[in-house]
Amino acid sequence: MIEIWEEVGVPSFRNGEALDFEAHASRIENGGTLLLDGDSDSADEIIGFYRGAMEAAGWAITRVGGHEMTAESDVASIQIVANVYDEQTLIMMILTDRPGSS
């Protein structure tokens, strides 16, 4: 699990190194935007990993398209985007409150 998001159960892609984190106003502890190093894996591999890992962790996949996906738990929503820059893949994750949760 990603250490700062362990409480809500967000899996880590091959122990990807956290490069940057920006907190956002949220009822979710440590809600915000996290940038992870995806090494040299393709964006398709990363999204494929997260699709399976998030479902296994109890999240419902709400949308998958191209190099991004969204998922929801009982209280949280997450968007995951993978892009390749100069032969390095970066994973941007945005964790926030689930719409309609209180």
C-alpha atoms as a PDB file:
ATOM      1  CA  MET A   1       0.000   0.000   0.000  1.00  0.00           C
ATOM      2  CA  ILE A   2       1.018   3.588  -0.502  1.00  0.00           C
ATOM      3  CA  GLU A   3       2.126   4.653   2.968  1.00  0.00           C
ATOM      4  CA  ILE A   4       0.263   7.980   3.201  1.00  0.00           C
ATOM      5  CA  TRP A   5      -2.927   6.335   1.846  1.00  0.00           C
ATOM      6  CA  GLU A   6      -2.682   3.028   3.685  1.00  0.00           C
ATOM      7  CA  GLU A   7      -5.778   3.856   5.771  1.00  0.00           C
ATOM      8  CA  VAL A   8      -7.998   3.973   2.660  1.00  0.00           C
ATOM      9  CA  GLY A   9      -6.217   1.046   0.974  1.00  0.00           C
ATOM     10  CA  VAL A  10      -4.505   2.433  -2.134  1.00  0.00           C
ATOM     11  CA  PRO A  11      -2.037  -0.123  -3.571  1.00  0.00           C
ATOM     12  CA  SER A  12       1.470   0.917  -4.595  1.00  0.00           C
ATOM     13  CA  PHE A  13       2.761   0.095  -8.082  1.00  0.00           C
ATOM     14  CA  ARG A  14       5.921  -1.962  -7.531  1.00  0.00           C
ATOM     15  CA  ASN A  15       6.777   0.195  -4.531  1.00  0.00           C
ATOM     16  CA  GLY A  16       6.965   3.231  -6.811  1.00  0.00           C
ATOM     17  CA  GLU A  17       8.877   6.095  -5.288  1.00  0.00           C
ATOM     18  CA  ALA A  18       6.789   9.110  -4.282  1.00  0.00           C
ATOM     19  CA  LEU A  19       8.146  12.136  -6.136  1.00  0.00           C
ATOM     20  CA  ASP A  20       5.755  14.844  -4.947  1.00  0.00           C
ATOM     21  CA  PHE A  21       2.621  15.260  -2.825  1.00  0.00           C
ATOM     22  CA  GLU A  22       0.243  18.205  -2.600  1.00  0.00           C
ATOM     23  CA  ALA A  23      -2.521  18.121   0.021  1.00  0.00           C
ATOM     24  CA  HIS A  24      -6.062  19.198  -0.894  1.00  0.00           C
ATOM     25  CA  ALA A  25      -9.013  20.108   1.323  1.00  0.00           C
ATOM     26  CA  SER A  26     -10.776  16.806   1.922  1.00  0.00           C
ATOM     27  CA  ARG A  27     -12.468  14.737   4.613  1.00  0.00           C
ATOM     28  CA  ILE A  28     -10.107  11.918   3.552  1.00  0.00           C
ATOM     29  CA  GLU A  29      -6.906  11.871   5.602  1.00  0.00           C
ATOM     30  CA  ASN A  30      -4.040  12.998   3.352  1.00  0.00           C
ATOM     31  CA  GLY A  31      -6.380  13.694   0.458  1.00  0.00           C
ATOM     32  CA  GLY A  32      -4.517  15.303  -2.418  1.00  0.00           C
ATOM     33  CA  THR A  33      -2.366  14.722  -5.473  1.00  0.00           C
ATOM     34  CA  LEU A  34       0.521  12.250  -5.417  1.00  0.00           C
ATOM     35  CA  LEU A  35       3.112  11.826  -8.169  1.00  0.00           C
ATOM     36  CA  LEU A  36       4.824   8.422  -8.304  1.00  0.00           C
ATOM     37  CA  ASP A  37       7.724   7.085 -10.354  1.00  0.00           C
ATOM     38  CA  GLY A  38       6.428   4.374 -12.682  1.00  0.00           C
ATOM     39  CA  ASP A  39       9.975   3.551 -13.835  1.00  0.00           C
ATOM     40  CA  SER A  40      10.022   2.345 -17.451  1.00  0.00           C
ATOM     41  CA  ASP A  41       6.711   0.454 -17.381  1.00  0.00           C
ATOM     42  CA  SER A  42       4.161   1.406 -20.009  1.00  0.00           C
ATOM     43  CA  ALA A  43       1.085   3.414 -19.119  1.00  0.00           C
ATOM     44  CA  ASP A  44      -1.055   0.433 -20.199  1.00  0.00           C
ATOM     45  CA  GLU A  45       0.794  -1.864 -17.755  1.00  0.00           C
ATOM     46  CA  ILE A  46       0.298   0.584 -14.913  1.00  0.00           C
ATOM     47  CA  ILE A  47      -3.419   1.092 -15.551  1.00  0.00           C
ATOM     48  CA  GLY A  48      -3.837  -2.692 -15.944  1.00  0.00           C
ATOM     49  CA  PHE A  49      -2.118  -3.208 -12.590  1.00  0.00           C
ATOM     50  CA  TYR A  50      -4.275  -0.621 -10.849  1.00  0.00           C
ATOM     51  CA  ARG A  51      -7.483  -1.938 -12.374  1.00  0.00           C
ATOM     52  CA  GLY A  52      -6.879  -5.357 -10.793  1.00  0.00           C
ATOM     53  CA  ALA A  53      -5.222  -4.153  -7.579  1.00  0.00           C
ATOM     54  CA  MET A  54      -7.907  -1.593  -6.774  1.00  0.00           C
ATOM     55  CA  GLU A  55     -10.693  -4.146  -7.292  1.00  0.00           C
ATOM     56  CA  ALA A  56      -8.806  -6.640  -5.090  1.00  0.00           C
ATOM     57  CA  ALA A  57      -8.516  -3.931  -2.401  1.00  0.00           C
ATOM     58  CA  GLY A  58     -12.305  -3.407  -2.432  1.00  0.00           C
ATOM     59  CA  TRP A  59     -12.561  -0.377  -4.714  1.00  0.00           C
ATOM     60  CA  ALA A  60     -15.205  -0.178  -7.464  1.00  0.00           C
ATOM     61  CA  ILE A  61     -13.796   0.784 -10.869  1.00  0.00           C
ATOM     62  CA  THR A  62     -16.004   3.552 -12.262  1.00  0.00           C
ATOM     63  CA  ARG A  63     -14.170   4.420 -15.476  1.00  0.00           C
ATOM     64  CA  VAL A  64     -11.212   3.213 -17.502  1.00  0.00           C
ATOM     65  CA  GLY A  65     -10.066   4.994 -20.635  1.00  0.00           C
ATOM     66  CA  GLY A  66      -6.744   5.364 -22.371  1.00  0.00           C
ATOM     67  CA  HIS A  67      -4.075   5.915 -19.767  1.00  0.00           C
ATOM     68  CA  GLU A  68      -6.360   6.807 -16.895  1.00  0.00           C
ATOM     69  CA  MET A  69      -8.970   5.345 -14.595  1.00  0.00           C
ATOM     70  CA  THR A  70     -11.164   6.260 -11.662  1.00  0.00           C
ATOM     71  CA  ALA A  71     -12.337   4.177  -8.725  1.00  0.00           C
ATOM     72  CA  GLU A  72     -14.451   4.656  -5.601  1.00  0.00           C
ATOM     73  CA  SER A  73     -14.543   3.166  -2.128  1.00  0.00           C
ATOM     74  CA  ASP A  74     -17.217   3.767   0.502  1.00  0.00           C
ATOM     75  CA  VAL A  75     -15.785   7.206   1.328  1.00  0.00           C
ATOM     76  CA  ALA A  76     -13.111   8.070  -1.247  1.00  0.00           C
ATOM     77  CA  SER A  77     -12.662   8.606  -4.963  1.00  0.00           C
ATOM     78  CA  ILE A  78      -9.366   8.286  -6.826  1.00  0.00           C
ATOM     79  CA  GLN A  79      -8.230   9.201 -10.315  1.00  0.00           C
ATOM     80  CA  ILE A  80      -5.084   7.540 -11.646  1.00  0.00           C
ATOM     81  CA  VAL A  81      -3.284   8.819 -14.758  1.00  0.00           C
ATOM     82  CA  ALA A  82      -0.103   7.316 -16.249  1.00  0.00           C
ATOM     83  CA  ASN A  83       2.002   9.172 -18.830  1.00  0.00           C
ATOM     84  CA  VAL A  84       5.443   8.638 -20.353  1.00  0.00           C
ATOM     85  CA  TYR A  85       7.908  11.537 -20.347  1.00  0.00           C
ATOM     86  CA  ASP A  86      11.400  11.052 -21.819  1.00  0.00           C
ATOM     87  CA  GLU A  87      11.287   7.243 -21.338  1.00  0.00           C
ATOM     88  CA  GLN A  88      10.124   7.560 -17.701  1.00  0.00           C
ATOM     89  CA  THR A  89       6.547   6.800 -16.754  1.00  0.00           C
ATOM     90  CA  LEU A  90       4.932   9.028 -14.140  1.00  0.00           C
ATOM     91  CA  ILE A  91       1.793   8.106 -12.211  1.00  0.00           C
ATOM     92  CA  MET A  92      -0.422  10.944 -10.992  1.00  0.00           C
ATOM     93  CA  MET A  93      -3.041  10.014  -8.412  1.00  0.00           C
ATOM     94  CA  ILE A  94      -5.729  12.318  -7.027  1.00  0.00           C
ATOM     95  CA  LEU A  95      -7.479  11.090  -3.873  1.00  0.00           C
ATOM     96  CA  THR A  96     -10.545  12.971  -2.649  1.00  0.00           C
ATOM     97  CA  ASP A  97     -13.965  12.523  -1.072  1.00  0.00           C
ATOM     98  CA  ARG A  98     -16.393  10.251  -2.865  1.00  0.00           C
ATOM     99  CA  PRO A  99     -19.175  12.350  -4.418  1.00  0.00           C
ATOM    100  CA  GLY A 100     -22.225  12.192  -2.192  1.00  0.00           C
ATOM    101  CA  SER A 101     -20.360  10.790   0.848  1.00  0.00           C
ATOM    102  CA  SER A 102     -20.721  12.565   4.157  1.00  0.00           C
END
